[in-house]
Amino acid sequence: MDKNKISQIRKELEGYVGKRIQLKANKGRKKIFIKEGIVDNVYPSIFTVKFENDFNNSRRVSFSYTDVLTKTVEIKVMPSSDCQNIAL
């Protein structure tokens, strides 16, 4: 793994803390998880995303930067003023 790419992904995600994203995760065996959430926090090895459901419950899920690098997890930032999504 290229540590420069992983640190670049981490630095880019630090700018998205508090912003709404659409996350698409491959859970294996043709199962895909697509949800909208908010980037909650960025840590040295992982980042957390806060998801809310219809019952006002929130859930935090952690992902590694390697997941983004290997495209197991795909992130699209949902801009508040523009209609276009920016792919990470």
N, C-alpha and C. Protein backbone atom coordinates (compact mmCIF):
# COMPACT_ATOMS: atom_id res chain seq x y z
N MET A 1 0.84 -1.18 0.00
CA MET A 1 0.00 0.00 0.00
C MET A 1 0.88 1.24 0.00
N ASP A 2 0.42 2.24 -0.68
CA ASP A 2 1.15 3.49 -0.75
C ASP A 2 0.68 4.40 0.38
N LYS A 3 1.56 4.66 1.34
CA LYS A 3 1.19 5.47 2.50
C LYS A 3 0.89 6.91 2.12
N ASN A 4 1.49 7.40 1.02
CA ASN A 4 1.20 8.76 0.59
C ASN A 4 -0.24 8.90 0.13
N LYS A 5 -0.76 7.89 -0.56
CA LYS A 5 -2.14 7.93 -1.02
C LYS A 5 -3.10 7.85 0.17
N ILE A 6 -2.78 7.01 1.14
CA ILE A 6 -3.65 6.88 2.31
C ILE A 6 -3.67 8.18 3.10
N SER A 7 -2.53 8.83 3.27
CA SER A 7 -2.51 10.11 4.01
C SER A 7 -3.21 11.19 3.20
N GLN A 8 -3.16 11.12 1.88
CA GLN A 8 -3.88 12.08 1.04
C GLN A 8 -5.39 11.90 1.20
N ILE A 9 -5.85 10.66 1.26
CA ILE A 9 -7.28 10.38 1.47
C ILE A 9 -7.69 10.91 2.83
N ARG A 10 -6.86 10.68 3.86
CA ARG A 10 -7.18 11.16 5.21
C ARG A 10 -7.28 12.69 5.25
N LYS A 11 -6.35 13.36 4.63
CA LYS A 11 -6.37 14.83 4.62
C LYS A 11 -7.59 15.35 3.89
N GLU A 12 -7.98 14.68 2.81
CA GLU A 12 -9.16 15.11 2.07
C GLU A 12 -10.42 14.89 2.91
N LEU A 13 -10.49 13.78 3.63
CA LEU A 13 -11.65 13.51 4.48
C LEU A 13 -11.71 14.47 5.67
N GLU A 14 -10.57 14.96 6.14
CA GLU A 14 -10.58 15.94 7.23
C GLU A 14 -11.35 17.20 6.83
N GLY A 15 -11.30 17.55 5.56
CA GLY A 15 -12.05 18.70 5.06
C GLY A 15 -13.54 18.45 4.96
N TYR A 16 -13.95 17.20 5.00
CA TYR A 16 -15.37 16.85 4.88
C TYR A 16 -16.05 16.60 6.22
N VAL A 17 -15.34 16.78 7.34
CA VAL A 17 -15.95 16.55 8.65
C VAL A 17 -17.13 17.51 8.82
N GLY A 18 -18.28 16.93 9.17
CA GLY A 18 -19.49 17.72 9.35
C GLY A 18 -20.31 17.88 8.08
N LYS A 19 -19.83 17.38 6.96
CA LYS A 19 -20.56 17.51 5.70
C LYS A 19 -21.30 16.23 5.37
N ARG A 20 -22.40 16.40 4.63
CA ARG A 20 -23.23 15.27 4.24
C ARG A 20 -22.59 14.56 3.04
N ILE A 21 -22.56 13.23 3.13
CA ILE A 21 -21.98 12.41 2.06
C ILE A 21 -22.93 11.27 1.72
N GLN A 22 -22.72 10.69 0.56
CA GLN A 22 -23.38 9.44 0.20
C GLN A 22 -22.30 8.38 0.18
N LEU A 23 -22.49 7.33 0.93
CA LEU A 23 -21.49 6.28 1.07
C LEU A 23 -22.02 5.00 0.45
N LYS A 24 -21.19 4.39 -0.38
CA LYS A 24 -21.54 3.12 -1.03
C LYS A 24 -20.47 2.12 -0.63
N ALA A 25 -20.86 1.08 0.10
CA ALA A 25 -19.91 0.09 0.60
C ALA A 25 -20.27 -1.29 0.07
N ASN A 26 -19.26 -2.00 -0.38
CA ASN A 26 -19.42 -3.37 -0.85
C ASN A 26 -19.25 -4.29 0.36
N LYS A 27 -20.32 -4.97 0.74
CA LYS A 27 -20.28 -5.84 1.91
C LYS A 27 -20.00 -7.30 1.56
N GLY A 28 -19.70 -7.59 0.30
CA GLY A 28 -19.40 -8.95 -0.11
C GLY A 28 -20.65 -9.71 -0.52
N ARG A 29 -20.45 -10.77 -1.28
CA ARG A 29 -21.54 -11.62 -1.76
C ARG A 29 -22.67 -10.82 -2.42
N LYS A 30 -22.28 -9.87 -3.25
CA LYS A 30 -23.21 -9.04 -4.02
C LYS A 30 -24.14 -8.20 -3.13
N LYS A 31 -23.70 -7.88 -1.93
CA LYS A 31 -24.47 -7.02 -1.04
C LYS A 31 -23.82 -5.64 -1.03
N ILE A 32 -24.61 -4.63 -1.36
CA ILE A 32 -24.10 -3.26 -1.41
C ILE A 32 -24.93 -2.41 -0.45
N PHE A 33 -24.22 -1.60 0.33
CA PHE A 33 -24.80 -0.73 1.36
C PHE A 33 -24.69 0.70 0.84
N ILE A 34 -25.83 1.38 0.59
CA ILE A 34 -25.82 2.77 0.14
C ILE A 34 -26.64 3.59 1.12
N LYS A 35 -25.99 4.56 1.75
CA LYS A 35 -26.67 5.42 2.73
C LYS A 35 -26.09 6.82 2.65
N GLU A 36 -26.88 7.78 3.11
CA GLU A 36 -26.39 9.14 3.28
C GLU A 36 -26.14 9.37 4.75
N GLY A 37 -25.05 10.05 5.04
CA GLY A 37 -24.69 10.33 6.41
C GLY A 37 -23.79 11.55 6.50
N ILE A 38 -23.24 11.77 7.66
CA ILE A 38 -22.36 12.91 7.92
C ILE A 38 -21.03 12.37 8.42
N VAL A 39 -19.94 12.89 7.85
CA VAL A 39 -18.60 12.49 8.32
C VAL A 39 -18.47 13.03 9.73
N ASP A 40 -18.33 12.13 10.68
CA ASP A 40 -18.34 12.49 12.09
C ASP A 40 -16.95 12.88 12.59
N ASN A 41 -15.96 12.03 12.33
CA ASN A 41 -14.62 12.31 12.83
C ASN A 41 -13.59 11.56 11.99
N VAL A 42 -12.36 12.07 12.02
CA VAL A 42 -11.25 11.46 11.28
C VAL A 42 -10.15 11.14 12.28
N TYR A 43 -9.73 9.89 12.29
CA TYR A 43 -8.68 9.41 13.19
C TYR A 43 -7.49 8.96 12.36
N PRO A 44 -6.34 8.65 12.99
CA PRO A 44 -5.16 8.24 12.21
C PRO A 44 -5.37 7.02 11.32
N SER A 45 -6.17 6.04 11.75
CA SER A 45 -6.34 4.81 10.96
C SER A 45 -7.73 4.64 10.37
N ILE A 46 -8.73 5.31 10.95
CA ILE A 46 -10.11 5.14 10.51
C ILE A 46 -10.82 6.49 10.46
N PHE A 47 -12.01 6.49 9.84
CA PHE A 47 -12.91 7.64 9.91
C PHE A 47 -14.30 7.11 10.24
N THR A 48 -15.11 7.95 10.88
CA THR A 48 -16.45 7.52 11.28
C THR A 48 -17.49 8.35 10.54
N VAL A 49 -18.60 7.69 10.24
CA VAL A 49 -19.72 8.33 9.57
C VAL A 49 -20.95 8.10 10.43
N LYS A 50 -21.72 9.16 10.62
CA LYS A 50 -22.94 9.09 11.43
C LYS A 50 -24.14 8.99 10.51
N PHE A 51 -24.91 7.91 10.67
CA PHE A 51 -26.13 7.68 9.89
C PHE A 51 -27.33 7.85 10.80
N GLU A 52 -28.40 8.43 10.26
CA GLU A 52 -29.65 8.56 11.00
C GLU A 52 -30.74 7.83 10.25
N ASN A 53 -31.67 7.24 11.01
CA ASN A 53 -32.78 6.55 10.36
C ASN A 53 -34.08 7.31 10.59
N ASP A 54 -35.19 6.73 10.17
CA ASP A 54 -36.49 7.40 10.27
C ASP A 54 -36.99 7.54 11.70
N PHE A 55 -36.40 6.82 12.64
CA PHE A 55 -36.86 6.83 14.02
C PHE A 55 -36.01 7.74 14.91
N ASN A 56 -35.27 8.67 14.31
CA ASN A 56 -34.39 9.61 15.02
C ASN A 56 -33.30 8.91 15.83
N ASN A 57 -32.93 7.73 15.43
CA ASN A 57 -31.79 7.04 16.04
C ASN A 57 -30.57 7.29 15.17
N SER A 58 -29.43 7.46 15.80
CA SER A 58 -28.21 7.65 15.03
C SER A 58 -27.28 6.48 15.27
N ARG A 59 -26.48 6.20 14.27
CA ARG A 59 -25.55 5.08 14.33
C ARG A 59 -24.23 5.53 13.72
N ARG A 60 -23.15 5.24 14.41
CA ARG A 60 -21.83 5.59 13.89
C ARG A 60 -21.15 4.32 13.38
N VAL A 61 -20.61 4.42 12.17
CA VAL A 61 -19.93 3.30 11.56
C VAL A 61 -18.53 3.76 11.18
N SER A 62 -17.53 2.90 11.42
CA SER A 62 -16.16 3.27 11.10
C SER A 62 -15.69 2.53 9.86
N PHE A 63 -14.84 3.21 9.09
CA PHE A 63 -14.25 2.66 7.88
C PHE A 63 -12.77 3.01 7.88
N SER A 64 -11.97 2.22 7.19
CA SER A 64 -10.55 2.52 7.10
C SER A 64 -10.28 3.24 5.78
N TYR A 65 -9.16 3.93 5.73
CA TYR A 65 -8.76 4.63 4.51
C TYR A 65 -8.38 3.64 3.42
N THR A 66 -7.96 2.45 3.81
CA THR A 66 -7.64 1.40 2.85
C THR A 66 -8.90 0.97 2.10
N ASP A 67 -10.05 1.00 2.77
CA ASP A 67 -11.32 0.68 2.11
C ASP A 67 -11.60 1.65 0.97
N VAL A 68 -11.29 2.92 1.18
CA VAL A 68 -11.49 3.92 0.13
C VAL A 68 -10.47 3.72 -0.98
N LEU A 69 -9.23 3.42 -0.61
CA LEU A 69 -8.17 3.23 -1.59
C LEU A 69 -8.46 2.03 -2.49
N THR A 70 -8.96 0.94 -1.92
CA THR A 70 -9.26 -0.27 -2.70
C THR A 70 -10.65 -0.24 -3.33
N LYS A 71 -11.37 0.86 -3.14
CA LYS A 71 -12.72 1.07 -3.69
C LYS A 71 -13.75 0.10 -3.15
N THR A 72 -13.51 -0.41 -1.95
CA THR A 72 -14.54 -1.18 -1.25
C THR A 72 -15.60 -0.21 -0.75
N VAL A 73 -15.16 1.03 -0.45
CA VAL A 73 -16.05 2.10 -0.02
C VAL A 73 -15.88 3.26 -0.99
N GLU A 74 -17.00 3.78 -1.49
CA GLU A 74 -16.98 4.94 -2.37
C GLU A 74 -17.75 6.05 -1.70
N ILE A 75 -17.21 7.27 -1.79
CA ILE A 75 -17.81 8.42 -1.11
C ILE A 75 -18.10 9.51 -2.13
N LYS A 76 -19.31 10.07 -2.03
CA LYS A 76 -19.68 11.24 -2.82
C LYS A 76 -20.11 12.33 -1.84
N VAL A 77 -19.52 13.49 -1.98
CA VAL A 77 -19.88 14.62 -1.12
C VAL A 77 -21.13 15.27 -1.69
N MET A 78 -22.09 15.52 -0.83
CA MET A 78 -23.34 16.14 -1.24
C MET A 78 -23.24 17.64 -0.96
N PRO A 79 -22.95 18.45 -1.98
CA PRO A 79 -22.81 19.89 -1.75
C PRO A 79 -24.16 20.52 -1.43
N SER A 80 -24.14 21.52 -0.60
CA SER A 80 -25.39 22.16 -0.17
C SER A 80 -25.94 23.10 -1.22
N SER A 81 -25.08 23.77 -2.00
CA SER A 81 -25.57 24.74 -2.95
C SER A 81 -25.55 24.25 -4.40
N ASP A 82 -24.64 23.33 -4.74
CA ASP A 82 -24.55 22.83 -6.11
C ASP A 82 -25.37 21.56 -6.28
N CYS A 83 -25.70 21.26 -7.52
CA CYS A 83 -26.45 20.04 -7.81
C CYS A 83 -25.53 18.88 -8.17
N GLN A 84 -24.25 19.14 -8.40
CA GLN A 84 -23.34 18.09 -8.80
C GLN A 84 -22.67 17.47 -7.59
N ASN A 85 -22.37 16.18 -7.71
CA ASN A 85 -21.65 15.45 -6.65
C ASN A 85 -20.18 15.40 -7.00
N ILE A 86 -19.34 15.46 -5.98
CA ILE A 86 -17.90 15.34 -6.17
C ILE A 86 -17.51 13.96 -5.69
N ALA A 87 -16.93 13.17 -6.57
CA ALA A 87 -16.52 11.80 -6.20
C ALA A 87 -15.15 11.84 -5.57
N LEU A 88 -14.97 11.07 -4.53
CA LEU A 88 -13.67 10.94 -3.86
C LEU A 88 -12.99 9.69 -4.33
